[in-house]
PDB file of N, CA and C in Angstrom:
ATOM      1  N   MET A   1     118.659  67.408 137.195  1.00  0.00           N
ATOM      2  CA  MET A   1     118.791  68.854 137.292  1.00  0.00           C
ATOM      3  C   MET A   1     117.870  69.484 136.251  1.00  0.00           C
ATOM      4  N   PRO A   2     117.078  70.475 136.627  1.00  0.00           N
ATOM      5  CA  PRO A   2     116.190  71.126 135.664  1.00  0.00           C
ATOM      6  C   PRO A   2     116.986  71.954 134.649  1.00  0.00           C
ATOM      7  N   ASN A   3     116.409  72.099 133.455  1.00  0.00           N
ATOM      8  CA  ASN A   3     117.026  72.933 132.425  1.00  0.00           C
ATOM      9  C   ASN A   3     117.015  74.379 132.894  1.00  0.00           C
ATOM     10  N   GLN A   4     118.078  75.103 132.592  1.00  0.00           N
ATOM     11  CA  GLN A   4     118.182  76.491 133.017  1.00  0.00           C
ATOM     12  C   GLN A   4     118.056  77.414 131.806  1.00  0.00           C
ATOM     13  N   LEU A   5     117.098  78.322 131.865  1.00  0.00           N
ATOM     14  CA  LEU A   5     116.840  79.264 130.784  1.00  0.00           C
ATOM     15  C   LEU A   5     118.085  80.093 130.480  1.00  0.00           C
ATOM     16  N   GLY A   6     118.445  80.185 129.196  1.00  0.00           N
ATOM     17  CA  GLY A   6     119.573  81.014 128.773  1.00  0.00           C
ATOM     18  C   GLY A   6     120.928  80.356 128.897  1.00  0.00           C
ATOM     19  N   LYS A   7     120.983  79.108 129.331  1.00  0.00           N
ATOM     20  CA  LYS A   7     122.261  78.418 129.502  1.00  0.00           C
ATOM     21  C   LYS A   7     122.575  77.587 128.262  1.00  0.00           C
ATOM     22  N   ARG A   8     123.859  77.398 127.992  1.00  0.00           N
ATOM     23  CA  ARG A   8     124.307  76.583 126.867  1.00  0.00           C
ATOM     24  C   ARG A   8     124.736  75.216 127.380  1.00  0.00           C
ATOM     25  N   TYR A   9     124.387  74.199 126.600  1.00  0.00           N
ATOM     26  CA  TYR A   9     124.746  72.825 126.932  1.00  0.00           C
ATOM     27  C   TYR A   9     125.540  72.244 125.768  1.00  0.00           C
ATOM     28  N   ARG A  10     126.504  71.337 126.074  1.00  0.00           N
ATOM     29  CA  ARG A  10     127.361  70.754 125.043  1.00  0.00           C
ATOM     30  C   ARG A  10     127.438  69.244 125.225  1.00  0.00           C
ATOM     31  N   CYS A  11     127.351  68.510 124.107  1.00  0.00           N
ATOM     32  CA  CYS A  11     127.492  67.053 124.114  1.00  0.00           C
ATOM     33  C   CYS A  11     128.968  66.709 124.051  1.00  0.00           C
ATOM     34  N   GLU A  12     129.441  65.932 125.003  1.00  0.00           N
ATOM     35  CA  GLU A  12     130.854  65.534 125.045  1.00  0.00           C
ATOM     36  C   GLU A  12     131.180  64.490 123.983  1.00  0.00           C
ATOM     37  N   VAL A  13     130.173  63.805 123.438  1.00  0.00           N
ATOM     38  CA  VAL A  13     130.398  62.752 122.446  1.00  0.00           C
ATOM     39  C   VAL A  13     130.557  63.348 121.049  1.00  0.00           C
ATOM     40  N   CYS A  14     129.566  64.127 120.599  1.00  0.00           N
ATOM     41  CA  CYS A  14     129.579  64.628 119.217  1.00  0.00           C
ATOM     42  C   CYS A  14     129.885  66.122 119.099  1.00  0.00           C
ATOM     43  N   GLY A  15     129.888  66.852 120.231  1.00  0.00           N
ATOM     44  CA  GLY A  15     130.222  68.274 120.201  1.00  0.00           C
ATOM     45  C   GLY A  15     129.066  69.206 119.904  1.00  0.00           C
ATOM     46  N   THR A  16     127.849  68.686 119.810  1.00  0.00           N
ATOM     47  CA  THR A  16     126.680  69.524 119.557  1.00  0.00           C
ATOM     48  C   THR A  16     126.471  70.481 120.726  1.00  0.00           C
ATOM     49  N   GLU A  17     126.190  71.746 120.416  1.00  0.00           N
ATOM     50  CA  GLU A  17     125.890  72.737 121.444  1.00  0.00           C
ATOM     51  C   GLU A  17     124.465  73.213 121.261  1.00  0.00           C
ATOM     52  N   THR A  18     123.782  73.481 122.373  1.00  0.00           N
ATOM     53  CA  THR A  18     122.401  73.955 122.309  1.00  0.00           C
ATOM     54  C   THR A  18     122.182  75.043 123.356  1.00  0.00           C
ATOM     55  N   LEU A  19     121.263  75.943 123.069  1.00  0.00           N
ATOM     56  CA  LEU A  19     120.907  77.019 123.979  1.00  0.00           C
ATOM     57  C   LEU A  19     119.503  76.751 124.489  1.00  0.00           C
ATOM     58  N   CYS A  20     119.313  76.774 125.787  1.00  0.00           N
ATOM     59  CA  CYS A  20     118.008  76.513 126.384  1.00  0.00           C
ATOM     60  C   CYS A  20     117.156  77.779 126.305  1.00  0.00           C
ATOM     61  N   VAL A  21     116.023  77.682 125.593  1.00  0.00           N
ATOM     62  CA  VAL A  21     115.134  78.833 125.433  1.00  0.00           C
ATOM     63  C   VAL A  21     113.863  78.713 126.258  1.00  0.00           C
ATOM     64  N   LYS A  22     113.701  77.569 126.939  1.00  0.00           N
ATOM     65  CA  LYS A  22     112.544  77.384 127.807  1.00  0.00           C
ATOM     66  C   LYS A  22     112.961  76.478 128.962  1.00  0.00           C
ATOM     67  N   ALA A  23     112.859  76.987 130.186  1.00  0.00           N
ATOM     68  CA  ALA A  23     113.240  76.212 131.363  1.00  0.00           C
ATOM     69  C   ALA A  23     112.228  75.105 131.615  1.00  0.00           C
ATOM     70  N   GLY A  24     112.668  74.025 132.245  1.00  0.00           N
ATOM     71  CA  GLY A  24     111.765  72.930 132.552  1.00  0.00           C
ATOM     72  C   GLY A  24     112.465  71.840 133.330  1.00  0.00           C
ATOM     73  N   GLU A  25     111.696  70.842 133.719  1.00  0.00           N
ATOM     74  CA  GLU A  25     112.240  69.701 134.444  1.00  0.00           C
ATOM     75  C   GLU A  25     112.892  68.736 133.468  1.00  0.00           C
ATOM     76  N   GLY A  26     113.802  67.910 133.969  1.00  0.00           N
ATOM     77  CA  GLY A  26     114.452  66.917 133.128  1.00  0.00           C
ATOM     78  C   GLY A  26     115.855  67.343 132.755  1.00  0.00           C
ATOM     79  N   ALA A  27     116.461  66.580 131.854  1.00  0.00           N
ATOM     80  CA  ALA A  27     117.835  66.834 131.441  1.00  0.00           C
ATOM     81  C   ALA A  27     117.898  66.962 129.928  1.00  0.00           C
ATOM     82  N   VAL A  28     118.858  67.740 129.452  1.00  0.00           N
ATOM     83  CA  VAL A  28     119.092  67.871 128.020  1.00  0.00           C
ATOM     84  C   VAL A  28     119.957  66.672 127.617  1.00  0.00           C
ATOM     85  N   MET A  29     119.457  65.873 126.649  1.00  0.00           N
ATOM     86  CA  MET A  29     120.132  64.636 126.272  1.00  0.00           C
ATOM     87  C   MET A  29     120.593  64.684 124.819  1.00  0.00           C
ATOM     88  N   CYS A  30     121.717  64.025 124.556  1.00  0.00           N
ATOM     89  CA  CYS A  30     122.248  63.860 123.202  1.00  0.00           C
ATOM     90  C   CYS A  30     123.143  62.622 123.231  1.00  0.00           C
ATOM     91  N   CYS A  31     123.099  61.813 122.192  1.00  0.00           N
ATOM     92  CA  CYS A  31     123.917  60.590 122.103  1.00  0.00           C
ATOM     93  C   CYS A  31     123.702  59.690 123.326  1.00  0.00           C
ATOM     94  N   ASP A  32     122.467  59.632 123.833  1.00  0.00           N
ATOM     95  CA  ASP A  32     122.090  58.822 124.997  1.00  0.00           C
ATOM     96  C   ASP A  32     122.827  59.198 126.277  1.00  0.00           C
ATOM     97  N   LYS A  33     123.350  60.429 126.357  1.00  0.00           N
ATOM     98  CA  LYS A  33     124.017  60.926 127.562  1.00  0.00           C
ATOM     99  C   LYS A  33     123.524  62.329 127.867  1.00  0.00           C
ATOM    100  N   GLU A  34     123.600  62.700 129.143  1.00  0.00           N
ATOM    101  CA  GLU A  34     123.207  64.040 129.556  1.00  0.00           C
ATOM    102  C   GLU A  34     124.257  65.039 129.076  1.00  0.00           C
ATOM    103  N   MET A  35     123.783  66.163 128.502  1.00  0.00           N
ATOM    104  CA  MET A  35     124.706  67.181 128.013  1.00  0.00           C
ATOM    105  C   MET A  35     125.281  67.978 129.176  1.00  0.00           C
ATOM    106  N   GLU A  36     126.527  68.443 129.018  1.00  0.00           N
ATOM    107  CA  GLU A  36     127.220  69.200 130.060  1.00  0.00           C
ATOM    108  C   GLU A  36     126.866  70.686 129.967  1.00  0.00           C
ATOM    109  N   LEU A  37     126.656  71.317 131.121  1.00  0.00           N
ATOM    110  CA  LEU A  37     126.402  72.750 131.184  1.00  0.00           C
ATOM    111  C   LEU A  37     127.713  73.480 130.907  1.00  0.00           C
ATOM    112  N   GLN A  38     127.703  74.412 129.943  1.00  0.00           N
ATOM    113  CA  GLN A  38     128.903  75.165 129.589  1.00  0.00           C
ATOM    114  C   GLN A  38     129.120  76.291 130.587  1.00  0.00           C
ATOM    115  N   GLN A  39     130.370  76.564 130.893  1.00  0.00           N
ATOM    116  CA  GLN A  39     130.732  77.670 131.773  1.00  0.00           C
ATOM    117  C   GLN A  39     130.883  78.944 130.940  1.00  0.00           C
ATOM    118  N   ALA A  40     130.646  80.079 131.556  1.00  0.00           N
ATOM    119  CA  ALA A  40     130.808  81.360 130.866  1.00  0.00           C
ATOM    120  C   ALA A  40     132.271  81.578 130.518  1.00  0.00           C
ATOM    121  N   LYS A  41     132.515  82.139 129.330  1.00  0.00           N
ATOM    122  CA  LYS A  41     133.888  82.413 128.902  1.00  0.00           C
ATOM    123  C   LYS A  41     134.337  83.720 129.520  1.00  0.00           C
ATOM    124  N   GLN A  42     135.596  83.766 129.919  1.00  0.00           N
ATOM    125  CA  GLN A  42     136.178  84.986 130.494  1.00  0.00           C
ATOM    126  C   GLN A  42     136.403  86.007 129.373  1.00  0.00           C
ATOM    127  N   LEU A  43     135.997  87.232 129.616  1.00  0.00           N
ATOM    128  CA  LEU A  43     136.243  88.304 128.661  1.00  0.00           C
ATOM    129  C   LEU A  43     137.618  88.911 128.950  1.00  0.00           C
ATOM    130  N   PRO A  44     138.326  89.340 127.913  1.00  0.00           N
ATOM    131  CA  PRO A  44     139.633  89.951 128.158  1.00  0.00           C
ATOM    132  C   PRO A  44     139.475  91.260 128.930  1.00  0.00           C
ATOM    133  N   SER A  45     140.428  91.538 129.768  1.00  0.00           N
ATOM    134  CA  SER A  45     140.342  92.772 130.554  1.00  0.00           C
ATOM    135  C   SER A  45     140.622  93.972 129.655  1.00  0.00           C
ATOM    136  N   SER A  46     140.056  95.089 129.980  1.00  0.00           N
ATOM    137  CA  SER A  46     140.247  96.300 129.185  1.00  0.00           C
ATOM    138  C   SER A  46     141.100  97.300 129.964  1.00  0.00           C
ATOM    139  N   ASP A  47     142.332  96.915 130.186  1.00  0.00           N
ATOM    140  CA  ASP A  47     143.259  97.789 130.950  1.00  0.00           C
ATOM    141  C   ASP A  47     143.735  98.948 130.136  1.00  0.00           C
TER     142      ASP A  47
END
């Protein structure tokens, strides 16, 4: 899967988080494993 500009990635082994500042081919790697793409956090509703 190509790197996605502006997306955050997290290593499940050591917990390192990184922000992709340049899109490209390949995978973001850490601890010899592919890093997981982080999901957007839900913002609290403003009722």
